C-alpha atoms as a PDB file:
ATOM      1  CA  MET A   1     -34.856 -55.287  32.962  1.00  0.00           C
ATOM      2  CA  ALA A   2     -31.236 -57.000  32.551  1.00  0.00           C
ATOM      3  CA  PHE A   3     -27.894 -55.770  33.386  1.00  0.00           C
ATOM      4  CA  SER A   4     -24.266 -56.786  31.796  1.00  0.00           C
ATOM      5  CA  ASP A   5     -20.908 -56.208  32.860  1.00  0.00           C
ATOM      6  CA  ASP A   6     -19.554 -56.580  28.742  1.00  0.00           C
ATOM      7  CA  GLY A   7     -23.082 -55.267  27.015  1.00  0.00           C
ATOM      8  CA  ALA A   8     -23.252 -58.392  25.112  1.00  0.00           C
ATOM      9  CA  SER A   9     -23.961 -61.310  27.897  1.00  0.00           C
ATOM     10  CA  PHE A  10     -27.011 -59.636  30.597  1.00  0.00           C
ATOM     11  CA  THR A  11     -28.824 -61.124  33.576  1.00  0.00           C
ATOM     12  CA  ALA A  12     -32.309 -62.479  33.484  1.00  0.00           C
ATOM     13  CA  MET A  13     -34.934 -60.038  32.663  1.00  0.00           C
ATOM     14  CA  GLU A  14     -36.216 -58.574  37.064  1.00  0.00           C
ATOM     15  CA  PRO A  15     -38.840 -55.935  36.888  1.00  0.00           C
ATOM     16  CA  PHE A  16     -38.172 -52.673  36.566  1.00  0.00           C
ATOM     17  CA  ALA A  17     -36.746 -50.936  40.196  1.00  0.00           C
ATOM     18  CA  ALA A  18     -35.382 -47.057  40.849  1.00  0.00           C
ATOM     19  CA  THR A  19     -32.422 -48.393  42.648  1.00  0.00           C
ATOM     20  CA  ARG A  20     -30.602 -51.782  42.686  1.00  0.00           C
ATOM     21  CA  SER A  21     -27.318 -53.089  44.092  1.00  0.00           C
ATOM     22  CA  TYR A  22     -24.813 -54.719  42.191  1.00  0.00           C
ATOM     23  CA  GLN A  23     -21.503 -55.872  42.143  1.00  0.00           C
ATOM     24  CA  LEU A  24     -18.570 -55.177  40.201  1.00  0.00           C
ATOM     25  CA  PRO A  25     -16.298 -57.135  38.194  1.00  0.00           C
ATOM     26  CA  ASP A  26     -13.036 -58.247  40.062  1.00  0.00           C
ATOM     27  CA  GLY A  27     -10.164 -56.175  39.626  1.00  0.00           C
ATOM     28  CA  ASP A  28      -9.244 -52.525  40.151  1.00  0.00           C
ATOM     29  CA  GLY A  29      -9.713 -50.513  37.133  1.00  0.00           C
ATOM     30  CA  LEU A  30     -12.489 -48.636  34.884  1.00  0.00           C
ATOM     31  CA  LYS A  31     -15.939 -50.261  35.086  1.00  0.00           C
ATOM     32  CA  THR A  32     -18.944 -50.190  32.546  1.00  0.00           C
ATOM     33  CA  VAL A  33     -22.546 -51.388  33.628  1.00  0.00           C
ATOM     34  CA  TYR A  34     -25.097 -52.217  30.912  1.00  0.00           C
ATOM     35  CA  VAL A  35     -28.940 -51.901  31.456  1.00  0.00           C
ATOM     36  CA  HIS A  36     -31.400 -53.505  29.024  1.00  0.00           C
ATOM     37  CA  TYR A  37     -34.863 -52.369  29.352  1.00  0.00           C
ATOM     38  CA  LYS A  38     -38.224 -53.713  28.277  1.00  0.00           C
ATOM     39  CA  ASN A  39     -41.472 -52.180  28.705  1.00  0.00           C
ATOM     40  CA  LEU A  40     -44.830 -53.925  28.163  1.00  0.00           C
ATOM     41  CA  VAL A  41     -45.128 -54.867  23.976  1.00  0.00           C
ATOM     42  CA  GLY A  42     -41.528 -55.584  24.077  1.00  0.00           C
ATOM     43  CA  ASN A  43     -39.891 -52.842  22.563  1.00  0.00           C
ATOM     44  CA  THR A  44     -36.033 -52.707  23.963  1.00  0.00           C
ATOM     45  CA  SER A  45     -33.500 -50.013  25.007  1.00  0.00           C
ATOM     46  CA  THR A  46     -29.878 -50.294  26.492  1.00  0.00           C
ATOM     47  CA  TYR A  47     -27.655 -47.414  28.486  1.00  0.00           C
ATOM     48  CA  SER A  48     -24.553 -47.735  29.860  1.00  0.00           C
ATOM     49  CA  ASP A  49     -22.515 -45.786  32.451  1.00  0.00           C
ATOM     50  CA  SER A  50     -18.934 -46.559  33.774  1.00  0.00           C
ATOM     51  CA  ILE A  51     -16.926 -46.164  37.480  1.00  0.00           C
ATOM     52  CA  ASN A  52     -13.359 -46.198  38.675  1.00  0.00           C
ATOM     53  CA  LEU A  53     -13.277 -48.950  40.997  1.00  0.00           C
ATOM     54  CA  ASP A  54      -9.842 -48.484  43.985  1.00  0.00           C
ATOM     55  CA  THR A  55     -10.187 -51.163  46.454  1.00  0.00           C
ATOM     56  CA  SER A  56      -7.062 -49.367  47.399  1.00  0.00           C
ATOM     57  CA  VAL A  57      -8.767 -46.655  49.106  1.00  0.00           C
ATOM     58  CA  PRO A  58     -11.070 -47.203  51.880  1.00  0.00           C
ATOM     59  CA  GLY A  59     -14.335 -45.772  51.953  1.00  0.00           C
ATOM     60  CA  ASP A  60     -14.811 -42.809  54.134  1.00  0.00           C
ATOM     61  CA  VAL A  61     -18.209 -42.236  55.473  1.00  0.00           C
ATOM     62  CA  GLY A  62     -18.769 -39.734  58.323  1.00  0.00           C
ATOM     63  CA  MET A  63     -19.556 -36.041  58.648  1.00  0.00           C
ATOM     64  CA  SER A  64     -17.425 -32.687  59.181  1.00  0.00           C
ATOM     65  CA  ILE A  65     -18.329 -29.172  60.240  1.00  0.00           C
ATOM     66  CA  ASN A  66     -17.085 -25.966  57.518  1.00  0.00           C
ATOM     67  CA  ASN A  67     -14.191 -28.477  56.345  1.00  0.00           C
ATOM     68  CA  ASP A  68     -13.095 -29.825  59.640  1.00  0.00           C
ATOM     69  CA  ASP A  69     -12.503 -25.970  60.372  1.00  0.00           C
ATOM     70  CA  LEU A  70     -11.838 -26.088  64.648  1.00  0.00           C
ATOM     71  CA  VAL A  71     -13.434 -22.504  65.291  1.00  0.00           C
ATOM     72  CA  THR A  72     -16.201 -20.937  63.401  1.00  0.00           C
ATOM     73  CA  ASP A  73     -17.688 -17.247  64.144  1.00  0.00           C
ATOM     74  CA  GLN A  74     -20.804 -17.928  63.129  1.00  0.00           C
ATOM     75  CA  ILE A  75     -23.631 -20.072  64.023  1.00  0.00           C
ATOM     76  CA  THR A  76     -24.964 -21.098  60.753  1.00  0.00           C
ATOM     77  CA  VAL A  77     -22.376 -23.801  59.189  1.00  0.00           C
ATOM     78  CA  THR A  78     -21.609 -26.049  56.614  1.00  0.00           C
ATOM     79  CA  LEU A  79     -21.763 -29.608  57.396  1.00  0.00           C
ATOM     80  CA  THR A  80     -20.258 -32.119  54.803  1.00  0.00           C
ATOM     81  CA  LEU A  81     -22.092 -35.882  55.051  1.00  0.00           C
ATOM     82  CA  LYS A  82     -20.052 -38.516  53.682  1.00  0.00           C
ATOM     83  CA  ALA A  83     -22.525 -41.852  53.205  1.00  0.00           C
ATOM     84  CA  PRO A  84     -21.844 -45.077  52.522  1.00  0.00           C
ATOM     85  CA  PRO A  85     -23.035 -46.101  48.690  1.00  0.00           C
ATOM     86  CA  GLY A  86     -27.053 -46.793  48.571  1.00  0.00           C
ATOM     87  CA  THR A  87     -28.145 -44.249  51.165  1.00  0.00           C
ATOM     88  CA  ARG A  88     -30.919 -42.560  50.562  1.00  0.00           C
ATOM     89  CA  GLN A  89     -31.895 -40.517  53.859  1.00  0.00           C
ATOM     90  CA  MET A  90     -30.351 -38.890  56.703  1.00  0.00           C
ATOM     91  CA  MET A  91     -30.998 -37.098  59.892  1.00  0.00           C
ATOM     92  CA  VAL A  92     -29.504 -34.639  61.217  1.00  0.00           C
ATOM     93  CA  SER A  93     -29.063 -33.173  64.875  1.00  0.00           C
ATOM     94  CA  ASN A  94     -27.839 -31.295  67.678  1.00  0.00           C
ATOM     95  CA  SER A  95     -28.756 -34.089  69.995  1.00  0.00           C
ATOM     96  CA  ASN A  96     -27.601 -37.249  69.905  1.00  0.00           C
ATOM     97  CA  ARG A  97     -30.969 -38.894  70.618  1.00  0.00           C
ATOM     98  CA  PHE A  98     -32.025 -37.050  67.496  1.00  0.00           C
ATOM     99  CA  VAL A  99     -35.224 -35.671  70.030  1.00  0.00           C
ATOM    100  CA  GLY A 100     -37.658 -33.939  66.765  1.00  0.00           C
ATOM    101  CA  ALA A 101     -35.329 -34.684  64.360  1.00  0.00           C
ATOM    102  CA  ASP A 102     -36.894 -36.191  60.606  1.00  0.00           C
ATOM    103  CA  TRP A 103     -35.475 -38.026  57.856  1.00  0.00           C
ATOM    104  CA  GLU A 104     -34.555 -35.876  54.669  1.00  0.00           C
ATOM    105  CA  PRO A 105     -33.335 -36.992  51.560  1.00  0.00           C
ATOM    106  CA  TYR A 106     -29.641 -37.728  51.688  1.00  0.00           C
ATOM    107  CA  SER A 107     -27.396 -34.955  50.496  1.00  0.00           C
ATOM    108  CA  ILE A 108     -23.400 -34.275  50.765  1.00  0.00           C
ATOM    109  CA  THR A 109     -23.650 -30.948  52.270  1.00  0.00           C
ATOM    110  CA  ARG A 110     -26.340 -29.090  53.909  1.00  0.00           C
ATOM    111  CA  THR A 111     -26.630 -25.789  55.821  1.00  0.00           C
ATOM    112  CA  TRP A 112     -26.766 -26.081  59.400  1.00  0.00           C
ATOM    113  CA  LEU A 113     -28.029 -23.736  62.494  1.00  0.00           C
ATOM    114  CA  LEU A 114     -26.097 -24.435  65.927  1.00  0.00           C
ATOM    115  CA  ALA A 115     -28.372 -24.903  68.817  1.00  0.00           C
ATOM    116  CA  TYR A 116     -26.493 -21.380  70.292  1.00  0.00           C
ATOM    117  CA  ASN A 117     -26.141 -20.867  74.002  1.00  0.00           C
ATOM    118  CA  PRO A 118     -24.067 -17.853  75.185  1.00  0.00           C
ATOM    119  CA  TYR A 119     -22.442 -20.227  78.070  1.00  0.00           C
ATOM    120  CA  VAL A 120     -21.627 -22.848  75.706  1.00  0.00           C
ATOM    121  CA  SER A 121     -18.418 -22.540  73.477  1.00  0.00           C
ATOM    122  CA  VAL A 122     -17.865 -26.085  71.553  1.00  0.00           C
ATOM    123  CA  TYR A 123     -20.427 -28.018  70.038  1.00  0.00           C
ATOM    124  CA  GLN A 124     -21.238 -30.933  68.554  1.00  0.00           C
ATOM    125  CA  VAL A 125     -23.426 -32.059  65.497  1.00  0.00           C
ATOM    126  CA  TYR A 126     -24.754 -35.493  64.907  1.00  0.00           C
ATOM    127  CA  ALA A 127     -25.754 -37.259  61.598  1.00  0.00           C
ATOM    128  CA  ARG A 128     -26.444 -40.731  60.643  1.00  0.00           C
ATOM    129  CA  PHE A 129     -27.884 -42.060  57.536  1.00  0.00           C
ATOM    130  CA  ARG A 130     -30.793 -44.659  56.391  1.00  0.00           C
ATOM    131  CA  ASN A 131     -29.989 -46.961  52.985  1.00  0.00           C
ATOM    132  CA  VAL A 132     -32.100 -48.349  50.390  1.00  0.00           C
ATOM    133  CA  ASP A 133     -33.063 -51.616  52.151  1.00  0.00           C
ATOM    134  CA  GLY A 134     -33.738 -49.786  55.383  1.00  0.00           C
ATOM    135  CA  THR A 135     -30.786 -50.255  57.356  1.00  0.00           C
ATOM    136  CA  ILE A 136     -29.837 -47.365  59.477  1.00  0.00           C
ATOM    137  CA  SER A 137     -26.123 -46.399  60.214  1.00  0.00           C
ATOM    138  CA  PRO A 138     -24.068 -45.607  63.713  1.00  0.00           C
ATOM    139  CA  ASN A 139     -24.476 -42.281  64.719  1.00  0.00           C
ATOM    140  CA  TYR A 140     -21.831 -40.135  63.189  1.00  0.00           C
ATOM    141  CA  ASN A 141     -20.710 -36.638  64.567  1.00  0.00           C
ATOM    142  CA  ALA A 142     -18.244 -33.494  64.707  1.00  0.00           C
ATOM    143  CA  LEU A 143     -17.251 -31.070  66.650  1.00  0.00           C
ATOM    144  CA  ILE A 144     -16.418 -26.821  66.514  1.00  0.00           C
ATOM    145  CA  THR A 145     -15.629 -24.574  68.553  1.00  0.00           C
ATOM    146  CA  LEU A 146     -17.965 -20.957  68.166  1.00  0.00           C
ATOM    147  CA  HIS A 147     -16.302 -17.932  68.857  1.00  0.00           C
ATOM    148  CA  LEU A 148     -18.722 -15.166  68.003  1.00  0.00           C
ATOM    149  CA  ASP A 149     -17.308 -11.563  66.777  1.00  0.00           C
ATOM    150  CA  GLN A 150     -21.008  -9.929  67.999  1.00  0.00           C
ATOM    151  CA  PRO A 151     -23.975 -12.106  69.917  1.00  0.00           C
ATOM    152  CA  PRO A 152     -26.605 -12.950  67.553  1.00  0.00           C
ATOM    153  CA  PRO A 153     -30.324 -11.303  68.495  1.00  0.00           C
ATOM    154  CA  PRO A 154     -31.718 -12.072  71.191  1.00  0.00           C
ATOM    155  CA  ILE A 155     -33.126 -15.714  71.806  1.00  0.00           C
ATOM    156  CA  ASP A 156     -37.069 -15.831  71.970  1.00  0.00           C
ATOM    157  CA  THR A 157     -37.828 -16.141  75.673  1.00  0.00           C
ATOM    158  CA  THR A 158     -41.519 -15.109  75.425  1.00  0.00           C
ATOM    159  CA  PRO A 159     -43.906 -18.198  75.733  1.00  0.00           C
ATOM    160  CA  PRO A 160     -47.038 -18.614  73.426  1.00  0.00           C
ATOM    161  CA  ASN A 161     -50.579 -18.277  74.537  1.00  0.00           C
ATOM    162  CA  GLY A 162     -53.508 -20.095  74.335  1.00  0.00           C
ATOM    163  CA  SER A 163     -56.988 -21.923  75.551  1.00  0.00           C
ATOM    164  CA  VAL A 164     -57.871 -25.352  75.492  1.00  0.00           C
ATOM    165  CA  VAL A 165     -61.854 -26.279  75.700  1.00  0.00           C
ATOM    166  CA  ILE A 166     -63.227 -30.111  76.552  1.00  0.00           C
ATOM    167  CA  ASN A 167     -66.372 -30.973  74.648  1.00  0.00           C
ATOM    168  CA  VAL A 168     -67.361 -27.434  73.774  1.00  0.00           C
ATOM    169  CA  GLY A 169     -67.230 -26.217  76.769  1.00  0.00           C
ATOM    170  CA  ALA A 170     -69.553 -28.557  78.693  1.00  0.00           C
ATOM    171  CA  ASP A 171     -69.627 -29.186  82.186  1.00  0.00           C
ATOM    172  CA  SER A 172     -69.503 -33.158  82.564  1.00  0.00           C
ATOM    173  CA  THR A 173     -69.102 -36.456  79.941  1.00  0.00           C
ATOM    174  CA  SER A 174     -71.090 -39.571  80.843  1.00  0.00           C
ATOM    175  CA  VAL A 175     -67.957 -40.903  78.380  1.00  0.00           C
ATOM    176  CA  PRO A 176     -64.541 -40.959  78.972  1.00  0.00           C
ATOM    177  CA  THR A 177     -63.100 -40.314  75.769  1.00  0.00           C
ATOM    178  CA  VAL A 178     -63.336 -36.692  74.781  1.00  0.00           C
ATOM    179  CA  THR A 179     -62.785 -33.920  72.678  1.00  0.00           C
ATOM    180  CA  LEU A 180     -60.121 -31.314  72.649  1.00  0.00           C
ATOM    181  CA  ASP A 181     -60.283 -28.188  70.965  1.00  0.00           C
ATOM    182  CA  VAL A 182     -56.696 -26.623  71.379  1.00  0.00           C
ATOM    183  CA  LEU A 183     -55.583 -22.793  70.135  1.00  0.00           C
ATOM    184  CA  ALA A 184     -52.205 -21.576  70.212  1.00  0.00           C
ATOM    185  CA  ALA A 185     -50.246 -18.065  68.879  1.00  0.00           C
ATOM    186  CA  ASP A 186     -46.826 -16.792  68.953  1.00  0.00           C
ATOM    187  CA  ASN A 187     -46.072 -13.143  70.056  1.00  0.00           C
ATOM    188  CA  PRO A 188     -45.083 -11.100  66.981  1.00  0.00           C
ATOM    189  CA  GLY A 189     -41.626 -11.764  65.919  1.00  0.00           C
ATOM    190  CA  GLY A 190     -41.293 -15.135  67.939  1.00  0.00           C
ATOM    191  CA  VAL A 191     -40.473 -18.560  66.052  1.00  0.00           C
ATOM    192  CA  GLY A 192     -43.721 -20.156  66.235  1.00  0.00           C
ATOM    193  CA  VAL A 193     -45.713 -22.616  68.161  1.00  0.00           C
ATOM    194  CA  LYS A 194     -44.310 -26.025  66.942  1.00  0.00           C
ATOM    195  CA  TRP A 195     -45.386 -28.428  69.883  1.00  0.00           C
ATOM    196  CA  MET A 196     -47.874 -29.168  72.331  1.00  0.00           C
ATOM    197  CA  TYR A 197     -48.316 -32.088  75.303  1.00  0.00           C
ATOM    198  CA  PHE A 198     -51.034 -32.637  77.568  1.00  0.00           C
ATOM    199  CA  ARG A 199     -50.992 -33.544  81.079  1.00  0.00           C
ATOM    200  CA  GLU A 200     -54.583 -34.842  83.347  1.00  0.00           C
ATOM    201  CA  TRP A 201     -55.103 -35.035  86.754  1.00  0.00           C
ATOM    202  CA  LYS A 202     -58.250 -35.872  88.741  1.00  0.00           C
ATOM    203  CA  TYR A 203     -59.006 -33.696  91.746  1.00  0.00           C
ATOM    204  CA  ASP A 204     -58.546 -35.384  95.292  1.00  0.00           C
ATOM    205  CA  PRO A 205     -62.393 -35.671  96.459  1.00  0.00           C
ATOM    206  CA  ASN A 206     -60.883 -35.498  99.936  1.00  0.00           C
ATOM    207  CA  ARG A 207     -59.103 -32.569  99.398  1.00  0.00           C
ATOM    208  CA  CYS A 208     -61.693 -30.755  97.006  1.00  0.00           C
ATOM    209  CA  PRO A 209     -65.112 -29.971  97.879  1.00  0.00           C
ATOM    210  CA  MET A 210     -66.044 -30.270  94.159  1.00  0.00           C
ATOM    211  CA  GLY A 211     -65.776 -33.987  94.238  1.00  0.00           C
ATOM    212  CA  ASP A 212     -64.573 -36.079  91.700  1.00  0.00           C
ATOM    213  CA  ARG A 213     -63.433 -33.919  88.437  1.00  0.00           C
ATOM    214  CA  ALA A 214     -60.707 -34.555  85.865  1.00  0.00           C
ATOM    215  CA  GLU A 215     -58.883 -31.480  84.123  1.00  0.00           C
ATOM    216  CA  PHE A 216     -56.665 -30.733  81.359  1.00  0.00           C
ATOM    217  CA  ARG A 217     -53.806 -28.801  81.195  1.00  0.00           C
ATOM    218  CA  LEU A 218     -52.075 -27.688  78.230  1.00  0.00           C
ATOM    219  CA  ASP A 219     -48.884 -26.859  77.481  1.00  0.00           C
ATOM    220  CA  ILE A 220     -47.719 -25.050  74.285  1.00  0.00           C
ATOM    221  CA  LEU A 221     -43.908 -24.814  73.341  1.00  0.00           C
ATOM    222  CA  HIS A 222     -41.528 -22.802  70.985  1.00  0.00           C
END
């Protein structure tokens, strides 16, 4: 592929890529970019698109909740995410550490659920962006006050239940690497099992007549 500002003078051919940074000509106004494609057997085609360049308007990057409303009566809100050019992914979270958050395709709007707490009235949502070249933006955030007309349904407070078995129930092992079989299920109407973590400890032979014995504990969380 090759590029041009006037449709006549093109850059040198370069390997095809789905995205590419491009420097528009100097000066504000309508700019047209032309691309010239060539396939493996030499067939060519040309396409173009136009955009208005106005450098007097500063770039607007950040986020807002419900179009900058100060108050909402719903725990479900709409985020407007304003990312810099070249943004491919975004990460949104109710935590400024983005705990449990994943990268997702960038979208200018997104429905979001506030982390409702009956003792909290002001909520903060955080976002950051990742460019096509892998660079990650600073964190952005927005605030909104929640005044519910009616409280939401009670939070699911019933813990999951489950089990863990070491080496299919064997009493002993000669190697320190073992296989854990884990099983977990949530209560009917729960929000589902999402996380698990493991703790290991060793009995003190001076305090336990069973001697030197290791045990695992499985904690399963909503």
